[in-house]
C-alpha atoms as a PDB file:
ATOM      1  CA  MET A   1      -7.189 -14.562  13.550  1.00  0.00           C
ATOM      2  CA  THR A   2      -6.969 -11.065  15.028  1.00  0.00           C
ATOM      3  CA  LEU A   3      -3.643  -9.121  15.081  1.00  0.00           C
ATOM      4  CA  GLU A   4      -1.873  -5.816  15.583  1.00  0.00           C
ATOM      5  CA  TYR A   5       0.811  -4.943  13.048  1.00  0.00           C
ATOM      6  CA  THR A   6       3.240  -2.227  12.072  1.00  0.00           C
ATOM      7  CA  GLY A   7       4.716  -2.416   8.546  1.00  0.00           C
ATOM      8  CA  ARG A   8       8.039  -0.841   7.651  1.00  0.00           C
ATOM      9  CA  LEU A   9      10.131  -0.427   4.564  1.00  0.00           C
ATOM     10  CA  ASP A  10      13.881  -1.175   4.359  1.00  0.00           C
ATOM     11  CA  ASP A  11      14.666   2.388   5.464  1.00  0.00           C
ATOM     12  CA  ASP A  12      12.546   1.919   8.592  1.00  0.00           C
ATOM     13  CA  THR A  13       9.683   4.205   7.246  1.00  0.00           C
ATOM     14  CA  VAL A  14       6.457   3.112   8.729  1.00  0.00           C
ATOM     15  CA  PHE A  15       3.953   2.734   5.888  1.00  0.00           C
ATOM     16  CA  ASP A  16       0.980   1.080   7.789  1.00  0.00           C
ATOM     17  CA  THR A  17       0.027   0.081  11.309  1.00  0.00           C
ATOM     18  CA  THR A  18      -3.060  -0.886  13.255  1.00  0.00           C
ATOM     19  CA  ARG A  19      -1.675   0.954  16.397  1.00  0.00           C
ATOM     20  CA  GLU A  20      -2.926   4.551  16.829  1.00  0.00           C
ATOM     21  CA  SER A  21       0.170   5.426  19.008  1.00  0.00           C
ATOM     22  CA  VAL A  22       2.517   4.390  16.280  1.00  0.00           C
ATOM     23  CA  ALA A  23       0.552   6.216  13.596  1.00  0.00           C
ATOM     24  CA  GLU A  24       0.719   9.449  15.715  1.00  0.00           C
ATOM     25  CA  GLU A  25       4.492   9.039  16.440  1.00  0.00           C
ATOM     26  CA  THR A  26       5.267   8.541  12.736  1.00  0.00           C
ATOM     27  CA  GLY A  27       2.989  11.079  11.250  1.00  0.00           C
ATOM     28  CA  LEU A  28       0.705   8.450   9.575  1.00  0.00           C
ATOM     29  CA  ALA A  29      -2.302   9.698  11.643  1.00  0.00           C
ATOM     30  CA  ASP A  30      -1.828  13.086   9.991  1.00  0.00           C
ATOM     31  CA  ALA A  31      -1.505  11.628   6.622  1.00  0.00           C
ATOM     32  CA  GLN A  32      -4.635   9.400   6.964  1.00  0.00           C
ATOM     33  CA  PRO A  33      -7.029  11.524   9.238  1.00  0.00           C
ATOM     34  CA  ASP A  34     -10.084   9.322   8.549  1.00  0.00           C
ATOM     35  CA  ARG A  35      -8.374   5.996   9.222  1.00  0.00           C
ATOM     36  CA  GLU A  36      -9.473   4.020  12.225  1.00  0.00           C
ATOM     37  CA  TYR A  37      -6.739   2.130  14.067  1.00  0.00           C
ATOM     38  CA  ALA A  38      -7.839  -1.154  15.257  1.00  0.00           C
ATOM     39  CA  PRO A  39      -6.620  -4.731  15.375  1.00  0.00           C
ATOM     40  CA  LEU A  40      -7.048  -6.550  12.013  1.00  0.00           C
ATOM     41  CA  THR A  41      -9.042  -9.786  11.777  1.00  0.00           C
ATOM     42  CA  VAL A  42      -8.282 -12.061   8.861  1.00  0.00           C
ATOM     43  CA  GLU A  43      -9.200 -15.505   7.799  1.00  0.00           C
ATOM     44  CA  ILE A  44      -6.255 -17.533   6.717  1.00  0.00           C
ATOM     45  CA  GLY A  45      -6.841 -18.693   3.149  1.00  0.00           C
ATOM     46  CA  ASP A  46      -9.194 -15.839   2.233  1.00  0.00           C
ATOM     47  CA  GLU A  47      -6.374 -13.814   0.552  1.00  0.00           C
ATOM     48  CA  GLN A  48      -7.403 -10.732   2.515  1.00  0.00           C
ATOM     49  CA  VAL A  49      -3.702  -9.824   3.136  1.00  0.00           C
ATOM     50  CA  ILE A  50      -0.578 -10.291   0.882  1.00  0.00           C
ATOM     51  CA  GLU A  51       0.696 -13.759   0.441  1.00  0.00           C
ATOM     52  CA  GLY A  52       3.819 -13.362   2.472  1.00  0.00           C
ATOM     53  CA  MET A  53       1.891 -12.172   5.526  1.00  0.00           C
ATOM     54  CA  GLU A  54      -0.594 -14.817   5.321  1.00  0.00           C
ATOM     55  CA  GLU A  55       2.046 -17.529   5.014  1.00  0.00           C
ATOM     56  CA  GLY A  56       3.868 -15.986   8.063  1.00  0.00           C
ATOM     57  CA  LEU A  57       0.716 -16.044  10.248  1.00  0.00           C
ATOM     58  CA  ILE A  58       0.157 -19.697   9.899  1.00  0.00           C
ATOM     59  CA  GLY A  59       0.681 -21.531  13.151  1.00  0.00           C
ATOM     60  CA  LEU A  60       0.987 -18.469  15.314  1.00  0.00           C
ATOM     61  CA  GLU A  61      -0.760 -18.578  18.666  1.00  0.00           C
ATOM     62  CA  THR A  62      -2.509 -15.866  20.881  1.00  0.00           C
ATOM     63  CA  GLY A  63      -0.002 -13.670  22.490  1.00  0.00           C
ATOM     64  CA  GLU A  64       2.852 -14.459  20.058  1.00  0.00           C
ATOM     65  CA  THR A  65       4.861 -11.778  18.434  1.00  0.00           C
ATOM     66  CA  GLU A  66       6.699 -12.250  15.140  1.00  0.00           C
ATOM     67  CA  THR A  67       8.630 -10.153  12.676  1.00  0.00           C
ATOM     68  CA  LEU A  68       7.885 -11.083   9.042  1.00  0.00           C
ATOM     69  CA  THR A  69      10.135 -10.033   6.180  1.00  0.00           C
ATOM     70  CA  ILE A  70       8.367 -10.253   2.992  1.00  0.00           C
ATOM     71  CA  PRO A  71      10.004  -9.935  -0.429  1.00  0.00           C
ATOM     72  CA  PRO A  72       8.305  -8.130  -3.254  1.00  0.00           C
ATOM     73  CA  GLU A  73       7.208 -11.342  -5.053  1.00  0.00           C
ATOM     74  CA  LYS A  74       5.156 -12.260  -1.944  1.00  0.00           C
ATOM     75  CA  ALA A  75       3.923  -8.702  -1.453  1.00  0.00           C
ATOM     76  CA  TYR A  76       3.054  -6.289  -4.338  1.00  0.00           C
ATOM     77  CA  GLY A  77       5.411  -7.750  -6.993  1.00  0.00           C
ATOM     78  CA  GLU A  78       7.999  -5.730  -8.996  1.00  0.00           C
ATOM     79  CA  PRO A  79       7.079  -2.528 -10.809  1.00  0.00           C
ATOM     80  CA  ALA A  80       6.046  -3.438 -14.444  1.00  0.00           C
ATOM     81  CA  ASP A  81       6.377  -1.218 -17.541  1.00  0.00           C
ATOM     82  CA  GLU A  82       2.946  -2.123 -18.650  1.00  0.00           C
ATOM     83  CA  ASN A  83       1.495  -0.492 -15.506  1.00  0.00           C
ATOM     84  CA  VAL A  84       2.829   2.857 -16.660  1.00  0.00           C
ATOM     85  CA  GLN A  85       0.292   4.392 -19.168  1.00  0.00           C
ATOM     86  CA  GLU A  86       0.555   7.242 -21.454  1.00  0.00           C
ATOM     87  CA  PHE A  87      -2.273   9.809 -22.144  1.00  0.00           C
ATOM     88  CA  GLU A  88      -2.371  12.598 -24.597  1.00  0.00           C
ATOM     89  CA  THR A  89      -2.164  15.739 -22.431  1.00  0.00           C
ATOM     90  CA  GLU A  90      -5.232  17.437 -24.167  1.00  0.00           C
ATOM     91  CA  GLU A  91      -7.403  14.283 -23.946  1.00  0.00           C
ATOM     92  CA  LEU A  92      -6.533  13.901 -20.210  1.00  0.00           C
ATOM     93  CA  ARG A  93      -7.105  17.471 -19.656  1.00  0.00           C
ATOM     94  CA  GLU A  94     -10.636  17.209 -21.033  1.00  0.00           C
ATOM     95  CA  MET A  95     -11.183  14.106 -18.893  1.00  0.00           C
ATOM     96  CA  LEU A  96     -10.216  16.035 -15.796  1.00  0.00           C
ATOM     97  CA  GLY A  97     -12.504  18.993 -16.530  1.00  0.00           C
ATOM     98  CA  GLY A  98     -10.041  21.302 -18.077  1.00  0.00           C
ATOM     99  CA  GLN A  99      -7.231  20.675 -15.491  1.00  0.00           C
ATOM    100  CA  THR A 100      -3.677  19.633 -16.429  1.00  0.00           C
ATOM    101  CA  PRO A 101      -2.353  17.185 -13.950  1.00  0.00           C
ATOM    102  CA  GLU A 102       0.933  17.940 -12.210  1.00  0.00           C
ATOM    103  CA  GLU A 103       3.828  15.591 -11.618  1.00  0.00           C
ATOM    104  CA  GLY A 104       3.426  13.938  -8.294  1.00  0.00           C
ATOM    105  CA  ALA A 105      -0.383  14.073  -8.315  1.00  0.00           C
ATOM    106  CA  TYR A 106      -2.504  10.973  -8.088  1.00  0.00           C
ATOM    107  CA  LEU A 107      -5.254   9.993 -10.482  1.00  0.00           C
ATOM    108  CA  GLU A 108      -7.784   7.260 -10.059  1.00  0.00           C
ATOM    109  CA  ALA A 109      -8.499   5.004 -13.072  1.00  0.00           C
ATOM    110  CA  GLN A 110     -12.007   3.801 -13.911  1.00  0.00           C
ATOM    111  CA  ASN A 111     -11.171   0.388 -12.304  1.00  0.00           C
ATOM    112  CA  GLY A 112     -10.294   2.260  -9.047  1.00  0.00           C
ATOM    113  CA  SER A 113      -6.553   1.804  -9.150  1.00  0.00           C
ATOM    114  CA  GLN A 114      -4.507   4.809  -8.264  1.00  0.00           C
ATOM    115  CA  GLY A 115      -1.655   6.106 -10.354  1.00  0.00           C
ATOM    116  CA  GLU A 116       0.955   8.679  -9.838  1.00  0.00           C
ATOM    117  CA  VAL A 117       1.612  11.207 -12.577  1.00  0.00           C
ATOM    118  CA  VAL A 118       5.339  10.844 -13.291  1.00  0.00           C
ATOM    119  CA  HIS A 119       5.729  12.922 -16.378  1.00  0.00           C
ATOM    120  CA  VAL A 120       3.882  15.878 -17.967  1.00  0.00           C
ATOM    121  CA  ASP A 121       4.696  17.821 -21.194  1.00  0.00           C
ATOM    122  CA  GLU A 122       2.544  19.578 -23.807  1.00  0.00           C
ATOM    123  CA  GLU A 123       1.849  16.279 -25.713  1.00  0.00           C
ATOM    124  CA  LEU A 124       2.106  13.518 -23.189  1.00  0.00           C
ATOM    125  CA  VAL A 125       1.194  12.505 -19.673  1.00  0.00           C
ATOM    126  CA  ARG A 126       2.720   9.349 -18.143  1.00  0.00           C
ATOM    127  CA  VAL A 127       0.936   7.763 -15.062  1.00  0.00           C
ATOM    128  CA  ASP A 128       2.385   4.987 -13.079  1.00  0.00           C
ATOM    129  CA  PHE A 129      -0.301   2.617 -11.878  1.00  0.00           C
ATOM    130  CA  ASN A 130       2.147   0.194 -10.175  1.00  0.00           C
ATOM    131  CA  PRO A 131       1.197  -0.416  -6.551  1.00  0.00           C
ATOM    132  CA  ARG A 132       2.878   2.101  -4.343  1.00  0.00           C
ATOM    133  CA  LEU A 133       4.749  -0.653  -2.531  1.00  0.00           C
ATOM    134  CA  ALA A 134       5.823  -2.564  -5.708  1.00  0.00           C
ATOM    135  CA  GLY A 135       9.516  -3.573  -5.579  1.00  0.00           C
ATOM    136  CA  GLU A 136       9.663  -3.070  -1.790  1.00  0.00           C
ATOM    137  CA  THR A 137      10.666  -5.676   0.681  1.00  0.00           C
ATOM    138  CA  LEU A 138       8.225  -5.264   3.679  1.00  0.00           C
ATOM    139  CA  THR A 139       8.723  -5.955   7.356  1.00  0.00           C
ATOM    140  CA  PHE A 140       5.824  -6.472   9.569  1.00  0.00           C
ATOM    141  CA  ASP A 141       5.894  -6.638  13.396  1.00  0.00           C
ATOM    142  CA  VAL A 142       2.879  -8.649  14.232  1.00  0.00           C
ATOM    143  CA  GLU A 143       1.258  -9.504  17.557  1.00  0.00           C
ATOM    144  CA  ILE A 144      -1.480 -12.066  17.680  1.00  0.00           C
ATOM    145  CA  VAL A 145      -4.370 -10.765  19.828  1.00  0.00           C
ATOM    146  CA  ASP A 146      -6.635 -13.824  19.284  1.00  0.00           C
ATOM    147  CA  VAL A 147      -6.830 -16.922  17.363  1.00  0.00           C
ATOM    148  CA  ASN A 148     -10.391 -18.036  16.675  1.00  0.00           C
END
């Protein structure tokens, strides 16, 4: 199945889209300059998209449009305390080649997950590895381009 989509948060902020025009209007194109905007092709059942989107696509036909509202438990889950990790400031500074991370910066863990630095002091750095969209209800406007 091939589709176009635009994803929004509750406050109408667009966080993702396959449409270049939407990306340019909303500033996403500036934030992700290397991204290519093109229809997405997914195999239903292959878990390539979040559970709520996959469930919402079942049964849609070519040319149909649908608005899918997906609660956190069918998207990226709720934020969990165990995804917030603490590091000794000195230790992390050494791992980063002598730099002290700043609040708001993003670090990549060895497993590839990204975390936001949420606290820095002399002793401790706290990094939040929860998915960026954890706890969010997501709304996707989808248009089915092709059903194969």
